[in-house]
Amino acid sequence: MKKILLSILFFTISYTNVYTHVDHYADIKSLEYQLYRNDKLIGFHNFIFERNNEELTVKSVVKFKITKLGVDLYKYSATSSEKYKKGVFTSYSSTTNQNKKKKYVNINRDEEKNELIIDGSSYKGKSSVDFLVGTWWNHQLIKAKAQISGISGRIIKQKVVFKGKTNLNIDEKFFTALHFNFSSSDEDLPPEKKLNTDIWYDEKTNVWLKASFTKMGEWEYRIKKINY
């Protein structure tokens, strides 16, 4: 179960470049995803886009649980809020409850020093503004050298490889998608802490469509609904 948790930590937090092209998502009101383990629906992850003049707030809620013979073996829930002004990242905050263990992270941008200030349960310190919070909705994550855990603030150096263009069929909805693999660039990390996740983005809209990884089972996020 600990290995499952570690993989979820890498995956559910997903990407917020401080100089990101959030205008690509100007018409989107919300994104809804379903989470599967071994092809069994176990939870959801939803994003809501709120706009006020030049400000954008992206709120997310994720919940899932793993059960066996009617018994809850593992329960996970998290909420987050990330903010932008004129397309520039300004702050991020989240709280997470993973089997009654609580984690958090607060990130703010220092305008004068042009750096990020991180206060998290796993890391407290500064970061380059070129690092992204790991919330997968923003396709600019593919350009980042590192992502910041949206659960605990830990910095994860990454390598991104383009795997090609593919056709996706998700619940009888058809997409042309760009496939990327995200992996840890730090070879000294123990296996259970290494990132290895495949992500698909819609070729035309850059909307995150699907993600998958293997860790004590086959895990997938699949787009359920795009609300405009």
C-alpha atoms as a PDB file:
ATOM      1  CA  MET A   1       0.000   0.000   0.000  1.00  0.00           C
ATOM      2  CA  LYS A   2       2.920   2.367   0.673  1.00  0.00           C
ATOM      3  CA  LYS A   3       4.114   1.904  -2.923  1.00  0.00           C
ATOM      4  CA  ILE A   4       0.622   2.683  -4.184  1.00  0.00           C
ATOM      5  CA  LEU A   5       0.644   5.886  -2.155  1.00  0.00           C
ATOM      6  CA  LEU A   6       4.018   6.979  -3.490  1.00  0.00           C
ATOM      7  CA  SER A   7       2.912   6.521  -7.071  1.00  0.00           C
ATOM      8  CA  ILE A   8      -0.290   8.449  -6.413  1.00  0.00           C
ATOM      9  CA  LEU A   9       1.733  11.291  -4.887  1.00  0.00           C
ATOM     10  CA  PHE A  10       3.655  11.663  -8.139  1.00  0.00           C
ATOM     11  CA  PHE A  11       0.534  11.366 -10.207  1.00  0.00           C
ATOM     12  CA  THR A  12      -2.351  13.253  -8.667  1.00  0.00           C
ATOM     13  CA  ILE A  13      -0.458  16.440  -8.347  1.00  0.00           C
ATOM     14  CA  SER A  14      -0.159  17.660 -11.318  1.00  0.00           C
ATOM     15  CA  TYR A  15       1.317  21.272 -13.264  1.00  0.00           C
ATOM     16  CA  THR A  16       1.298  25.034 -13.023  1.00  0.00           C
ATOM     17  CA  ASN A  17       4.058  26.929 -14.811  1.00  0.00           C
ATOM     18  CA  VAL A  18       4.588  30.415 -13.436  1.00  0.00           C
ATOM     19  CA  TYR A  19       4.737  31.628 -17.030  1.00  0.00           C
ATOM     20  CA  THR A  20       2.189  29.205 -18.370  1.00  0.00           C
ATOM     21  CA  HIS A  21      -0.137  29.643 -21.315  1.00  0.00           C
ATOM     22  CA  VAL A  22      -3.356  29.401 -19.328  1.00  0.00           C
ATOM     23  CA  ASP A  23      -5.089  31.341 -22.086  1.00  0.00           C
ATOM     24  CA  HIS A  24      -5.216  28.011 -23.958  1.00  0.00           C
ATOM     25  CA  TYR A  25      -7.967  27.071 -21.509  1.00  0.00           C
ATOM     26  CA  ALA A  26      -9.896  30.366 -21.633  1.00  0.00           C
ATOM     27  CA  ASP A  27     -13.181  28.723 -22.657  1.00  0.00           C
ATOM     28  CA  ILE A  28     -13.094  25.821 -20.190  1.00  0.00           C
ATOM     29  CA  LYS A  29     -15.294  25.930 -17.086  1.00  0.00           C
ATOM     30  CA  SER A  30     -14.392  22.538 -15.643  1.00  0.00           C
ATOM     31  CA  LEU A  31     -12.659  19.228 -16.343  1.00  0.00           C
ATOM     32  CA  GLU A  32     -13.885  15.930 -14.906  1.00  0.00           C
ATOM     33  CA  TYR A  33     -11.806  12.752 -14.689  1.00  0.00           C
ATOM     34  CA  GLN A  34     -12.417   9.211 -13.486  1.00  0.00           C
ATOM     35  CA  LEU A  35      -9.702   7.170 -11.787  1.00  0.00           C
ATOM     36  CA  TYR A  36      -9.402   3.454 -12.438  1.00  0.00           C
ATOM     37  CA  ARG A  37      -7.255   0.745 -10.852  1.00  0.00           C
ATOM     38  CA  ASN A  38      -7.038  -2.556 -12.721  1.00  0.00           C
ATOM     39  CA  ASP A  39      -9.882  -1.232 -14.904  1.00  0.00           C
ATOM     40  CA  LYS A  40     -12.144  -0.743 -11.859  1.00  0.00           C
ATOM     41  CA  LEU A  41     -13.533   2.726 -11.122  1.00  0.00           C
ATOM     42  CA  ILE A  42     -12.308   3.845  -7.692  1.00  0.00           C
ATOM     43  CA  GLY A  43     -12.643   7.640  -7.668  1.00  0.00           C
ATOM     44  CA  PHE A  44     -12.558  10.990  -9.437  1.00  0.00           C
ATOM     45  CA  HIS A  45     -10.472  14.142  -9.935  1.00  0.00           C
ATOM     46  CA  ASN A  46     -12.229  17.355 -10.994  1.00  0.00           C
ATOM     47  CA  PHE A  47     -10.977  20.859 -11.839  1.00  0.00           C
ATOM     48  CA  ILE A  48     -13.052  24.062 -11.770  1.00  0.00           C
ATOM     49  CA  PHE A  49     -11.874  27.226 -13.565  1.00  0.00           C
ATOM     50  CA  GLU A  50     -13.003  30.506 -11.985  1.00  0.00           C
ATOM     51  CA  ARG A  51     -12.272  33.850 -13.655  1.00  0.00           C
ATOM     52  CA  ASN A  52     -12.443  37.402 -12.309  1.00  0.00           C
ATOM     53  CA  ASN A  53     -11.162  40.022 -14.753  1.00  0.00           C
ATOM     54  CA  GLU A  54      -7.406  39.315 -15.082  1.00  0.00           C
ATOM     55  CA  GLU A  55      -7.361  36.611 -12.403  1.00  0.00           C
ATOM     56  CA  LEU A  56      -7.811  32.865 -12.850  1.00  0.00           C
ATOM     57  CA  THR A  57      -8.301  30.389 -10.011  1.00  0.00           C
ATOM     58  CA  VAL A  58      -8.184  26.645 -10.701  1.00  0.00           C
ATOM     59  CA  LYS A  59      -9.659  24.554  -7.906  1.00  0.00           C
ATOM     60  CA  SER A  60      -9.451  20.784  -7.762  1.00  0.00           C
ATOM     61  CA  VAL A  61     -10.945  17.950  -5.743  1.00  0.00           C
ATOM     62  CA  VAL A  62      -9.743  14.342  -5.850  1.00  0.00           C
ATOM     63  CA  LYS A  63     -11.143  11.364  -3.960  1.00  0.00           C
ATOM     64  CA  PHE A  64     -10.677   7.625  -4.243  1.00  0.00           C
ATOM     65  CA  LYS A  65     -10.659   4.502  -2.133  1.00  0.00           C
ATOM     66  CA  ILE A  66      -9.394   0.961  -2.542  1.00  0.00           C
ATOM     67  CA  THR A  67     -11.634  -1.767  -1.189  1.00  0.00           C
ATOM     68  CA  LYS A  68     -11.417  -5.538  -0.907  1.00  0.00           C
ATOM     69  CA  LEU A  69     -14.300  -7.795   0.078  1.00  0.00           C
ATOM     70  CA  GLY A  70     -16.257  -4.737   1.119  1.00  0.00           C
ATOM     71  CA  VAL A  71     -13.508  -3.408   3.403  1.00  0.00           C
ATOM     72  CA  ASP A  72     -11.850  -0.034   2.756  1.00  0.00           C
ATOM     73  CA  LEU A  73      -8.104  -0.681   2.573  1.00  0.00           C
ATOM     74  CA  TYR A  74      -7.063   2.819   1.556  1.00  0.00           C
ATOM     75  CA  LYS A  75      -8.808   6.201   1.363  1.00  0.00           C
ATOM     76  CA  TYR A  76      -7.461   9.366  -0.214  1.00  0.00           C
ATOM     77  CA  SER A  77      -8.851  12.877  -0.589  1.00  0.00           C
ATOM     78  CA  ALA A  78      -7.314  16.239  -1.485  1.00  0.00           C
ATOM     79  CA  THR A  79      -8.303  19.772  -2.416  1.00  0.00           C
ATOM     80  CA  SER A  80      -6.166  22.444  -4.037  1.00  0.00           C
ATOM     81  CA  SER A  81      -6.309  25.982  -5.388  1.00  0.00           C
ATOM     82  CA  GLU A  82      -3.879  27.583  -7.841  1.00  0.00           C
ATOM     83  CA  LYS A  83      -3.994  31.202  -8.918  1.00  0.00           C
ATOM     84  CA  TYR A  84      -2.802  33.270 -11.866  1.00  0.00           C
ATOM     85  CA  LYS A  85      -2.884  36.946 -12.763  1.00  0.00           C
ATOM     86  CA  LYS A  86      -2.541  37.985 -16.398  1.00  0.00           C
ATOM     87  CA  GLY A  87      -1.508  34.391 -17.142  1.00  0.00           C
ATOM     88  CA  VAL A  88       1.295  34.384 -14.550  1.00  0.00           C
ATOM     89  CA  PHE A  89       1.271  31.934 -11.653  1.00  0.00           C
ATOM     90  CA  THR A  90       0.950  33.648  -8.263  1.00  0.00           C
ATOM     91  CA  SER A  91       0.137  30.980  -5.670  1.00  0.00           C
ATOM     92  CA  TYR A  92      -0.882  27.418  -4.913  1.00  0.00           C
ATOM     93  CA  SER A  93      -2.204  25.666  -1.802  1.00  0.00           C
ATOM     94  CA  SER A  94      -3.444  22.174  -1.017  1.00  0.00           C
ATOM     95  CA  THR A  95      -4.451  19.898   1.837  1.00  0.00           C
ATOM     96  CA  THR A  96      -4.405  16.116   1.597  1.00  0.00           C
ATOM     97  CA  ASN A  97      -5.707  13.293   3.766  1.00  0.00           C
ATOM     98  CA  GLN A  98      -4.232   9.913   2.887  1.00  0.00           C
ATOM     99  CA  ASN A  99      -5.498   7.226   5.205  1.00  0.00           C
ATOM    100  CA  LYS A 100      -5.839   9.813   8.014  1.00  0.00           C
ATOM    101  CA  LYS A 101      -2.298  11.092   7.445  1.00  0.00           C
ATOM    102  CA  LYS A 102      -2.395  14.784   6.588  1.00  0.00           C
ATOM    103  CA  LYS A 103      -0.062  16.650   4.236  1.00  0.00           C
ATOM    104  CA  TYR A 104      -0.043  20.172   2.867  1.00  0.00           C
ATOM    105  CA  VAL A 105       1.794  22.659   0.675  1.00  0.00           C
ATOM    106  CA  ASN A 106       1.617  26.429   0.197  1.00  0.00           C
ATOM    107  CA  ILE A 107       3.528  28.075  -2.658  1.00  0.00           C
ATOM    108  CA  ASN A 108       3.841  31.798  -3.339  1.00  0.00           C
ATOM    109  CA  ARG A 109       5.746  33.767  -5.935  1.00  0.00           C
ATOM    110  CA  ASP A 110       8.181  36.417  -4.682  1.00  0.00           C
ATOM    111  CA  GLU A 111       7.771  39.221  -7.227  1.00  0.00           C
ATOM    112  CA  GLU A 112      10.946  41.076  -6.295  1.00  0.00           C
ATOM    113  CA  LYS A 113      13.301  38.086  -6.271  1.00  0.00           C
ATOM    114  CA  ASN A 114      11.444  36.220  -9.034  1.00  0.00           C
ATOM    115  CA  GLU A 115      11.409  32.912  -7.180  1.00  0.00           C
ATOM    116  CA  LEU A 116       8.930  30.560  -5.562  1.00  0.00           C
ATOM    117  CA  ILE A 117       8.639  30.203  -1.791  1.00  0.00           C
ATOM    118  CA  ILE A 118       7.537  26.713  -0.757  1.00  0.00           C
ATOM    119  CA  ASP A 119       6.106  25.728   2.618  1.00  0.00           C
ATOM    120  CA  GLY A 120       5.232  22.051   2.501  1.00  0.00           C
ATOM    121  CA  SER A 121       5.088  18.985   4.682  1.00  0.00           C
ATOM    122  CA  SER A 122       8.069  17.465   2.805  1.00  0.00           C
ATOM    123  CA  TYR A 123      10.002  20.570   1.715  1.00  0.00           C
ATOM    124  CA  LYS A 124      10.386  24.155   2.883  1.00  0.00           C
ATOM    125  CA  GLY A 125      12.523  26.504   0.857  1.00  0.00           C
ATOM    126  CA  LYS A 126      12.902  28.288  -2.461  1.00  0.00           C
ATOM    127  CA  SER A 127      12.486  27.154  -6.033  1.00  0.00           C
ATOM    128  CA  SER A 128      13.040  28.402  -9.554  1.00  0.00           C
ATOM    129  CA  VAL A 129      10.000  29.990 -11.183  1.00  0.00           C
ATOM    130  CA  ASP A 130      10.633  27.596 -14.080  1.00  0.00           C
ATOM    131  CA  PHE A 131       9.554  24.608 -11.951  1.00  0.00           C
ATOM    132  CA  LEU A 132       5.876  23.648 -12.145  1.00  0.00           C
ATOM    133  CA  VAL A 133       3.370  22.431  -9.620  1.00  0.00           C
ATOM    134  CA  GLY A 134       2.398  18.910 -10.617  1.00  0.00           C
ATOM    135  CA  THR A 135      -1.284  19.296 -11.521  1.00  0.00           C
ATOM    136  CA  TRP A 136      -1.600  17.612 -14.899  1.00  0.00           C
ATOM    137  CA  TRP A 137      -4.265  19.821 -16.491  1.00  0.00           C
ATOM    138  CA  ASN A 138      -1.677  22.280 -17.868  1.00  0.00           C
ATOM    139  CA  HIS A 139       0.246  20.878 -20.848  1.00  0.00           C
ATOM    140  CA  GLN A 140       3.189  23.234 -20.181  1.00  0.00           C
ATOM    141  CA  LEU A 141       4.438  20.585 -17.747  1.00  0.00           C
ATOM    142  CA  ILE A 142       6.094  18.903 -20.720  1.00  0.00           C
ATOM    143  CA  LYS A 143       8.635  21.775 -20.876  1.00  0.00           C
ATOM    144  CA  ALA A 144       9.627  21.813 -17.198  1.00  0.00           C
ATOM    145  CA  LYS A 145      12.896  20.421 -15.855  1.00  0.00           C
ATOM    146  CA  ALA A 146      11.227  19.721 -12.526  1.00  0.00           C
ATOM    147  CA  GLN A 147       7.806  19.615 -10.955  1.00  0.00           C
ATOM    148  CA  ILE A 148       6.811  20.508  -7.411  1.00  0.00           C
ATOM    149  CA  SER A 149       4.662  18.025  -5.537  1.00  0.00           C
ATOM    150  CA  GLY A 150       1.212  19.505  -5.139  1.00  0.00           C
ATOM    151  CA  ILE A 151       0.786  17.420  -2.000  1.00  0.00           C
ATOM    152  CA  SER A 152       3.954  18.010   0.003  1.00  0.00           C
ATOM    153  CA  GLY A 153       6.117  20.526  -1.887  1.00  0.00           C
ATOM    154  CA  ARG A 154       8.889  18.086  -2.730  1.00  0.00           C
ATOM    155  CA  ILE A 155      10.830  18.976  -5.899  1.00  0.00           C
ATOM    156  CA  ILE A 156      10.950  16.166  -8.472  1.00  0.00           C
ATOM    157  CA  LYS A 157      13.433  16.539 -11.334  1.00  0.00           C
ATOM    158  CA  GLN A 158      11.969  15.079 -14.495  1.00  0.00           C
ATOM    159  CA  LYS A 159      12.680  13.908 -18.014  1.00  0.00           C
ATOM    160  CA  VAL A 160       9.913  14.140 -20.618  1.00  0.00           C
ATOM    161  CA  VAL A 161       9.911  12.080 -23.825  1.00  0.00           C
ATOM    162  CA  PHE A 162       7.455  12.531 -26.687  1.00  0.00           C
ATOM    163  CA  LYS A 163       6.150   9.085 -27.654  1.00  0.00           C
ATOM    164  CA  GLY A 164       4.178  10.128 -30.720  1.00  0.00           C
ATOM    165  CA  LYS A 165       0.669  10.873 -31.932  1.00  0.00           C
ATOM    166  CA  THR A 166      -2.112   8.365 -31.315  1.00  0.00           C
ATOM    167  CA  ASN A 167      -5.872   7.910 -31.573  1.00  0.00           C
ATOM    168  CA  LEU A 168      -7.704   7.522 -28.254  1.00  0.00           C
ATOM    169  CA  ASN A 169     -11.126   6.036 -27.631  1.00  0.00           C
ATOM    170  CA  ILE A 170     -12.376   6.972 -24.167  1.00  0.00           C
ATOM    171  CA  ASP A 171     -15.949   5.876 -23.472  1.00  0.00           C
ATOM    172  CA  GLU A 172     -16.790   6.043 -27.199  1.00  0.00           C
ATOM    173  CA  LYS A 173     -15.336   9.539 -27.498  1.00  0.00           C
ATOM    174  CA  PHE A 174     -12.534   9.771 -30.040  1.00  0.00           C
ATOM    175  CA  PHE A 175      -9.479  12.026 -29.791  1.00  0.00           C
ATOM    176  CA  THR A 176      -6.214  12.601 -31.607  1.00  0.00           C
ATOM    177  CA  ALA A 177      -3.692  12.782 -28.792  1.00  0.00           C
ATOM    178  CA  LEU A 178      -0.028  13.586 -28.160  1.00  0.00           C
ATOM    179  CA  HIS A 179       1.588  10.982 -25.927  1.00  0.00           C
ATOM    180  CA  PHE A 180       4.373  11.860 -23.453  1.00  0.00           C
ATOM    181  CA  ASN A 181       6.273   9.878 -20.837  1.00  0.00           C
ATOM    182  CA  PHE A 182       7.356  11.594 -17.612  1.00  0.00           C
ATOM    183  CA  SER A 183      10.190   9.984 -15.659  1.00  0.00           C
ATOM    184  CA  SER A 184      12.572  10.978 -12.874  1.00  0.00           C
ATOM    185  CA  SER A 185      15.893  12.327 -14.123  1.00  0.00           C
ATOM    186  CA  ASP A 186      17.577  11.559 -10.782  1.00  0.00           C
ATOM    187  CA  GLU A 187      18.906   8.033 -11.203  1.00  0.00           C
ATOM    188  CA  ASP A 188      19.881   7.817  -7.529  1.00  0.00           C
ATOM    189  CA  LEU A 189      16.292   7.818  -6.316  1.00  0.00           C
ATOM    190  CA  PRO A 190      15.029   4.510  -4.908  1.00  0.00           C
ATOM    191  CA  PRO A 191      12.643   2.697  -7.282  1.00  0.00           C
ATOM    192  CA  GLU A 192       9.537   3.444  -5.214  1.00  0.00           C
ATOM    193  CA  LYS A 193      10.185   7.200  -5.486  1.00  0.00           C
ATOM    194  CA  LYS A 194      10.842   7.347  -9.208  1.00  0.00           C
ATOM    195  CA  LEU A 195       8.316   8.962 -11.499  1.00  0.00           C
ATOM    196  CA  ASN A 196       7.176   6.956 -14.540  1.00  0.00           C
ATOM    197  CA  THR A 197       3.847   8.159 -15.910  1.00  0.00           C
ATOM    198  CA  ASP A 198       2.371   8.347 -19.409  1.00  0.00           C
ATOM    199  CA  ILE A 199       0.217  11.371 -20.242  1.00  0.00           C
ATOM    200  CA  TRP A 200      -1.935  12.114 -23.311  1.00  0.00           C
ATOM    201  CA  TYR A 201      -3.023  15.638 -24.367  1.00  0.00           C
ATOM    202  CA  ASP A 202      -5.522  16.533 -27.062  1.00  0.00           C
ATOM    203  CA  GLU A 203      -3.628  17.647 -30.166  1.00  0.00           C
ATOM    204  CA  LYS A 204      -5.889  20.625 -30.917  1.00  0.00           C
ATOM    205  CA  THR A 205      -6.939  21.918 -27.489  1.00  0.00           C
ATOM    206  CA  ASN A 206      -4.048  20.771 -25.225  1.00  0.00           C
ATOM    207  CA  VAL A 207      -6.628  19.342 -22.811  1.00  0.00           C
ATOM    208  CA  TRP A 208      -5.309  16.521 -20.624  1.00  0.00           C
ATOM    209  CA  LEU A 209      -7.139  13.368 -21.734  1.00  0.00           C
ATOM    210  CA  LYS A 210      -5.543  10.415 -19.995  1.00  0.00           C
ATOM    211  CA  ALA A 211      -2.698   9.316 -17.734  1.00  0.00           C
ATOM    212  CA  SER A 212      -1.464   5.887 -16.739  1.00  0.00           C
ATOM    213  CA  PHE A 213       1.183   4.184 -14.645  1.00  0.00           C
ATOM    214  CA  THR A 214       1.918   0.766 -13.155  1.00  0.00           C
ATOM    215  CA  LYS A 215       2.508   0.331  -9.424  1.00  0.00           C
ATOM    216  CA  MET A 216       0.950  -2.651  -7.679  1.00  0.00           C
ATOM    217  CA  GLY A 217      -1.703  -2.593 -10.371  1.00  0.00           C
ATOM    218  CA  GLU A 218      -2.615  -0.677 -13.502  1.00  0.00           C
ATOM    219  CA  TRP A 219      -3.773   2.891 -12.843  1.00  0.00           C
ATOM    220  CA  GLU A 220      -5.507   5.260 -15.258  1.00  0.00           C
ATOM    221  CA  TYR A 221      -7.055   8.710 -15.240  1.00  0.00           C
ATOM    222  CA  ARG A 222      -9.566   9.123 -18.072  1.00  0.00           C
ATOM    223  CA  ILE A 223     -11.368  12.268 -19.143  1.00  0.00           C
ATOM    224  CA  LYS A 224     -15.065  12.074 -18.360  1.00  0.00           C
ATOM    225  CA  LYS A 225     -16.340  15.503 -19.334  1.00  0.00           C
ATOM    226  CA  ILE A 226     -15.085  18.869 -20.615  1.00  0.00           C
ATOM    227  CA  ASN A 227     -17.447  21.697 -19.699  1.00  0.00           C
ATOM    228  CA  TYR A 228     -17.326  24.923 -21.724  1.00  0.00           C
END
